[in-house]
Amino acid sequence: MARQEIKVVFNEQQIRNNPNPTYLGITLDRTLTYREHLTKVAAKIKIRNNIINKLAQTTWGSDANTIRISALALTYSVAEYCAPVWLNSSHTSKIDTQLNATMRTISGAIKSTPASWLPVLSNIAPPHLRRYYSLVREYNNHALNRSLPIHKYINNNLSQRSKSRKPPWKLAQKLINYNLNSKWTEEWRLNNPDKFNLIEQPTERVPGFQLPRKEWVTLNRLRTGHGKTGNMLHKWGLRDTPQCDCGHETQTANHIVEECPIRSIRGGMKHLHKATTAATNWLTNLDIVNTIPTYILYSIYLTNY
């Protein structure tokens, strides 16, 4: 039945059947799964991510703030178009995957970095929470505006045709007192990957947004513990051992910043996180930055996509 074609004749001509019509920019399907629509949007986001990634590789305009603004304008505007309509679809992961890639470009994080780090380092709320916020805002606009025809229906107990359906209005009623920052903070505390306890409030912009691209990326990889350390390079098969050249058996981010007699910084990770002038100079002179050929690092970075 789902593949059955409707035959409509008008002026003795049969109208061509379209299984996925587009209305106001949304590609529809018979069961309203929005699979076709989200697949198209994900492909569009991927193309725009390539533009953002190209910008991040330049010497001009590659600071975190510029890339973040560009991503919000180019990528998120497309990703969140009509989000209140399709946010309950089981295919939203297609969008989230591409937005995670966007945030990796902003922060310079690599593929192995826990996903909960990405919104904090990019200072952009998680995609699903932004969609919830968009839904509640849209629902409130309809519920409070008496001039809209939908107003007289939206506050009534609308009937649900099927128990398997997940109508947006039903979710909006549950989220009526939704607070984006509070929900983000709650999720961060439940899935906190911050081993150094650097982040007190995930909704606040982390220090270092003004740094040059090279220092910004190095700082974030040390914060997360996922970067070009001996331990990670050994896992990637790019080094024979995880040993540090100071003699320590494992070269981790914590070892480099806190313990290494050759490279450690006074004040440790807490001081480095503040991105002070001294910390920035230390990042600039850190000799682990260029220990691998660029083409190999670029191939690792491309695994983000």
Protein backbone atom coordinates (compact mmCIF):
# COMPACT_ATOMS: atom_id res chain seq x y z
CA MET A 1 0.00 0.00 0.00
CA ALA A 2 2.84 2.39 0.80
CA ARG A 3 4.15 2.14 -2.78
CA GLN A 4 0.77 2.33 -4.48
CA GLU A 5 0.53 5.11 -7.04
CA ILE A 6 -2.49 7.37 -7.13
CA LYS A 7 -3.90 7.76 -10.64
CA VAL A 8 -5.44 11.16 -11.25
CA VAL A 9 -6.67 12.22 -14.71
CA PHE A 10 -7.12 15.90 -15.53
CA ASN A 11 -8.21 17.10 -18.99
CA GLU A 12 -7.76 13.55 -20.28
CA GLN A 13 -4.12 13.51 -19.13
CA GLN A 14 -2.81 11.46 -16.25
CA ILE A 15 -0.96 13.57 -13.69
CA ARG A 16 2.53 12.29 -12.94
CA ASN A 17 2.79 10.71 -9.51
CA ASN A 18 5.37 12.21 -7.12
CA PRO A 19 6.06 10.02 -4.05
CA ASN A 20 8.08 12.79 -2.38
CA PRO A 21 6.52 16.18 -3.06
CA THR A 22 8.15 19.32 -1.68
CA TYR A 23 6.05 21.88 0.16
CA LEU A 24 7.57 25.10 1.53
CA GLY A 25 11.02 23.58 1.34
CA ILE A 26 10.10 20.34 3.15
CA THR A 27 10.27 17.04 1.25
CA LEU A 28 7.32 14.92 2.33
CA ASP A 29 6.76 11.18 2.27
CA ARG A 30 3.66 9.08 2.82
CA THR A 31 4.48 8.01 6.37
CA LEU A 32 5.95 11.40 7.37
CA THR A 33 9.28 9.93 8.46
CA TYR A 34 11.05 12.84 6.70
CA ARG A 35 13.81 10.48 5.68
CA GLU A 36 14.13 11.92 2.18
CA HIS A 37 14.12 15.47 3.49
CA LEU A 38 16.77 14.88 6.15
CA THR A 39 18.97 12.97 3.71
CA LYS A 40 18.89 15.95 1.33
CA VAL A 41 19.56 18.43 4.13
CA ALA A 42 22.48 16.37 5.44
CA ALA A 43 24.03 16.35 1.96
CA LYS A 44 23.58 20.13 1.72
CA ILE A 45 25.19 20.62 5.15
CA LYS A 46 28.14 18.47 4.12
CA ILE A 47 28.85 20.76 1.16
CA ARG A 48 28.70 23.82 3.40
CA ASN A 49 30.94 22.11 5.93
CA ASN A 50 33.55 21.86 3.20
CA ILE A 51 33.44 25.65 2.86
CA ILE A 52 33.85 26.10 6.62
CA ASN A 53 36.70 23.59 6.63
CA LYS A 54 38.41 25.49 3.81
CA LEU A 55 38.13 28.72 5.80
CA ALA A 56 39.67 27.02 8.84
CA GLN A 57 42.77 26.17 6.80
CA THR A 58 43.49 29.78 5.81
CA THR A 59 45.71 32.24 7.65
CA TRP A 60 43.03 34.95 7.57
CA GLY A 61 39.61 34.55 9.17
CA SER A 62 40.40 31.22 10.80
CA ASP A 63 39.94 32.29 14.41
CA ALA A 64 37.27 30.41 16.35
CA ASN A 65 34.82 33.30 16.51
CA THR A 66 34.85 33.91 12.75
CA ILE A 67 34.41 30.21 11.98
CA ARG A 68 31.62 29.92 14.55
CA ILE A 69 29.69 32.85 13.07
CA SER A 70 30.20 31.47 9.56
CA ALA A 71 28.96 28.04 10.66
CA LEU A 72 25.83 29.48 12.27
CA ALA A 73 25.05 31.46 9.12
CA LEU A 74 25.91 28.83 6.51
CA THR A 75 25.29 25.50 8.21
CA TYR A 76 22.91 25.84 11.13
CA SER A 77 20.49 28.01 9.16
CA VAL A 78 20.00 25.10 6.76
CA ALA A 79 20.09 22.38 9.42
CA GLU A 80 17.36 23.98 11.55
CA TYR A 81 14.96 25.09 8.83
CA CYS A 82 11.45 23.95 9.88
CA ALA A 83 12.99 21.88 12.68
CA PRO A 84 9.75 21.93 14.76
CA VAL A 85 8.10 19.89 12.00
CA TRP A 86 10.60 17.02 11.76
CA LEU A 87 12.45 17.01 15.11
CA ASN A 88 10.73 13.77 16.22
CA SER A 89 11.91 11.87 13.15
CA SER A 90 14.09 8.82 13.76
CA HIS A 91 16.45 10.08 11.04
CA THR A 92 17.66 13.26 12.78
CA SER A 93 21.00 11.53 13.38
CA LYS A 94 21.82 12.33 9.73
CA ILE A 95 21.72 16.02 10.65
CA ASP A 96 23.49 15.59 13.98
CA THR A 97 26.41 13.78 12.36
CA GLN A 98 27.06 16.70 10.03
CA LEU A 99 26.64 19.30 12.78
CA ASN A 100 29.15 17.39 14.91
CA ALA A 101 31.55 17.71 11.98
CA THR A 102 30.84 21.46 11.93
CA MET A 103 31.68 21.77 15.62
CA ARG A 104 34.86 19.73 15.15
CA THR A 105 35.97 22.24 12.54
CA ILE A 106 35.26 25.16 14.88
CA SER A 107 37.07 23.59 17.83
CA GLY A 108 39.75 21.63 15.97
CA ALA A 109 38.73 18.48 17.85
CA ILE A 110 39.47 15.10 16.31
CA LYS A 111 37.12 12.17 15.69
CA SER A 112 37.86 10.37 18.97
CA THR A 113 36.87 13.39 21.08
CA PRO A 114 33.65 12.69 23.06
CA ALA A 115 30.70 14.37 21.35
CA SER A 116 29.61 16.18 24.53
CA TRP A 117 32.84 18.24 24.33
CA LEU A 118 31.95 19.71 20.93
CA PRO A 119 29.12 22.10 21.92
CA VAL A 120 31.14 23.39 24.89
CA LEU A 121 34.27 24.13 22.84
CA SER A 122 32.20 25.65 20.00
CA ASN A 123 29.88 27.59 22.32
CA ILE A 124 26.86 26.26 20.42
CA ALA A 125 24.15 24.29 22.23
CA PRO A 126 23.72 20.60 21.26
CA PRO A 127 21.62 20.19 18.08
CA HIS A 128 18.71 18.34 19.69
CA LEU A 129 18.39 20.95 22.45
CA ARG A 130 18.35 23.76 19.90
CA ARG A 131 15.53 21.97 18.06
CA TYR A 132 13.51 21.66 21.27
CA TYR A 133 13.98 25.36 21.91
CA SER A 134 12.83 26.14 18.37
CA LEU A 135 9.74 23.96 18.86
CA VAL A 136 8.73 25.63 22.14
CA ARG A 137 9.23 29.09 20.67
CA GLU A 138 7.08 28.23 17.65
CA TYR A 139 4.38 26.65 19.82
CA ASN A 140 4.23 29.70 22.09
CA ASN A 141 3.95 32.02 19.09
CA HIS A 142 0.89 30.12 17.86
CA ALA A 143 -0.63 29.69 21.31
CA LEU A 144 -0.37 33.37 22.24
CA ASN A 145 -1.27 34.96 18.91
CA ARG A 146 -5.07 35.09 18.71
CA SER A 147 -5.02 36.44 15.16
CA LEU A 148 -3.75 33.12 13.79
CA PRO A 149 -6.39 30.58 12.66
CA ILE A 150 -4.48 27.79 14.40
CA HIS A 151 -4.84 29.51 17.78
CA LYS A 152 -8.35 28.15 18.46
CA TYR A 153 -7.16 24.58 17.86
CA ILE A 154 -3.75 24.48 19.46
CA ASN A 155 -4.93 24.74 23.06
CA ASN A 156 -7.67 22.13 22.65
CA ASN A 157 -7.12 18.43 23.22
CA LEU A 158 -6.28 17.40 19.69
CA SER A 159 -6.94 13.79 18.80
CA GLN A 160 -3.97 11.59 17.91
CA ARG A 161 -4.69 9.29 14.99
CA SER A 162 -2.11 6.65 15.87
CA LYS A 163 -0.23 5.81 19.06
CA SER A 164 2.96 5.36 17.05
CA ARG A 165 2.88 8.98 15.92
CA LYS A 166 4.94 11.62 17.69
CA PRO A 167 3.23 14.91 16.87
CA PRO A 168 5.34 18.00 17.65
CA TRP A 169 2.50 19.75 19.48
CA LYS A 170 2.36 16.96 22.04
CA LEU A 171 6.09 17.29 22.78
CA ALA A 172 5.80 21.08 22.91
CA GLN A 173 3.17 20.84 25.64
CA LYS A 174 5.56 18.75 27.74
CA LEU A 175 8.39 21.25 27.19
CA ILE A 176 6.34 24.36 27.86
CA ASN A 177 8.73 25.56 30.61
CA TYR A 178 11.83 24.52 28.67
CA ASN A 179 15.10 26.31 29.45
CA LEU A 180 17.89 25.67 26.96
CA ASN A 181 20.84 26.55 29.20
CA SER A 182 19.51 24.59 32.17
CA LYS A 183 18.94 21.50 30.03
CA TRP A 184 22.41 21.82 28.48
CA THR A 185 24.02 22.09 31.92
CA GLU A 186 22.06 19.07 33.13
CA GLU A 187 23.17 16.91 30.18
CA TRP A 188 26.78 18.02 30.61
CA ARG A 189 26.80 16.96 34.24
CA LEU A 190 25.31 13.57 33.39
CA ASN A 191 27.88 12.89 30.63
CA ASN A 192 30.84 14.96 31.77
CA PRO A 193 34.04 13.95 29.89
CA ASP A 194 36.08 16.72 31.54
CA LYS A 195 38.77 14.78 33.42
CA PHE A 196 40.55 17.96 34.53
CA ASN A 197 37.40 19.71 35.87
CA LEU A 198 38.08 22.74 33.68
CA ILE A 199 34.48 23.56 32.73
CA GLU A 200 32.35 25.06 35.47
CA GLN A 201 29.50 26.26 33.25
CA PRO A 202 29.18 24.58 29.80
CA THR A 203 27.01 27.40 28.44
CA GLU A 204 29.79 29.97 28.83
CA ARG A 205 32.40 30.55 26.13
CA VAL A 206 35.68 28.84 26.99
CA PRO A 207 38.85 30.98 27.16
CA GLY A 208 40.97 31.16 24.02
CA PHE A 209 38.40 32.02 21.34
CA GLN A 210 40.59 34.93 20.28
CA LEU A 211 43.72 32.77 19.78
CA PRO A 212 45.25 32.06 16.37
CA ARG A 213 44.04 28.82 14.80
CA LYS A 214 47.15 26.78 15.60
CA GLU A 215 47.18 27.65 19.31
CA TRP A 216 43.39 27.31 19.61
CA VAL A 217 43.39 23.80 18.16
CA THR A 218 46.34 22.68 20.28
CA LEU A 219 44.70 24.06 23.42
CA ASN A 220 41.43 22.21 22.79
CA ARG A 221 43.18 18.93 22.05
CA LEU A 222 45.07 19.18 25.32
CA ARG A 223 41.87 20.08 27.17
CA THR A 224 40.09 17.01 25.86
CA GLY A 225 43.10 14.70 26.02
CA HIS A 226 42.59 13.76 22.36
CA GLY A 227 45.37 15.03 20.11
CA LYS A 228 48.88 14.42 18.82
CA THR A 229 50.27 12.86 21.98
CA GLY A 230 52.52 9.82 21.97
CA ASN A 231 49.73 7.72 23.43
CA MET A 232 47.21 8.66 20.72
CA LEU A 233 49.75 8.38 17.91
CA HIS A 234 50.60 4.88 19.10
CA LYS A 235 46.90 3.95 19.00
CA TRP A 236 46.66 5.31 15.45
CA GLY A 237 49.66 3.23 14.39
CA LEU A 238 51.85 6.28 13.70
CA ARG A 239 54.37 5.54 16.45
CA ASP A 240 55.97 2.32 17.63
CA THR A 241 55.54 3.14 21.33
CA PRO A 242 53.47 5.58 23.43
CA GLN A 243 56.63 6.63 25.31
CA CYS A 244 57.57 10.28 25.88
CA ASP A 245 61.09 11.40 24.95
CA CYS A 246 61.59 12.42 28.59
CA GLY A 247 61.59 8.72 29.46
CA HIS A 248 58.03 8.40 30.79
CA GLU A 249 56.30 5.26 29.55
CA THR A 250 53.15 7.01 28.25
CA GLN A 251 52.91 10.48 26.73
CA THR A 252 49.37 11.72 27.43
CA ALA A 253 48.00 15.27 27.47
CA ASN A 254 48.11 15.22 31.26
CA HIS A 255 51.75 14.13 31.24
CA ILE A 256 52.76 16.83 28.73
CA VAL A 257 51.08 19.66 30.64
CA GLU A 258 51.48 18.57 34.25
CA GLU A 259 54.45 16.18 34.59
CA CYS A 260 56.90 16.25 31.68
CA PRO A 261 60.28 17.71 32.76
CA ILE A 262 60.83 18.92 29.18
CA ARG A 263 57.45 20.47 28.31
CA SER A 264 55.22 20.96 31.38
CA ILE A 265 53.81 24.41 32.08
CA ARG A 266 53.81 26.07 35.49
CA GLY A 267 50.29 25.95 36.91
CA GLY A 268 49.40 22.88 34.86
CA MET A 269 46.15 22.37 32.98
CA LYS A 270 44.18 24.85 35.10
CA HIS A 271 46.55 27.66 34.09
CA LEU A 272 46.69 26.53 30.46
CA HIS A 273 42.88 26.49 30.25
CA LYS A 274 42.75 30.23 31.02
CA ALA A 275 44.68 30.96 27.79
CA THR A 276 46.82 33.67 29.37
CA THR A 277 49.71 35.31 27.51
CA ALA A 278 52.16 32.89 29.13
CA ALA A 279 49.95 29.93 28.20
CA THR A 280 49.66 31.16 24.61
CA ASN A 281 53.44 31.46 24.30
CA TRP A 282 53.80 27.95 25.69
CA LEU A 283 51.33 26.62 23.10
CA THR A 284 53.19 28.41 20.29
CA ASN A 285 56.51 26.85 21.30
CA LEU A 286 55.15 23.38 22.09
CA ASP A 287 57.26 21.00 20.02
CA ILE A 288 54.67 18.22 19.65
CA VAL A 289 52.69 20.33 17.18
CA ASN A 290 54.75 19.55 14.07
CA THR A 291 56.03 16.06 14.78
CA ILE A 292 53.99 14.38 12.01
CA PRO A 293 53.79 15.13 8.28
CA THR A 294 50.85 17.39 7.43
CA TYR A 295 49.35 15.01 4.87
CA ILE A 296 49.05 12.27 7.51
CA LEU A 297 47.38 14.63 10.00
CA TYR A 298 44.99 15.83 7.31
CA SER A 299 43.98 12.25 6.52
CA ILE A 300 43.24 11.71 10.23
CA TYR A 301 41.23 14.93 10.37
CA LEU A 302 39.14 13.91 7.37
CA THR A 303 37.83 10.93 9.34
CA ASN A 304 35.62 13.48 11.10
CA TYR A 305 33.44 13.36 8.03
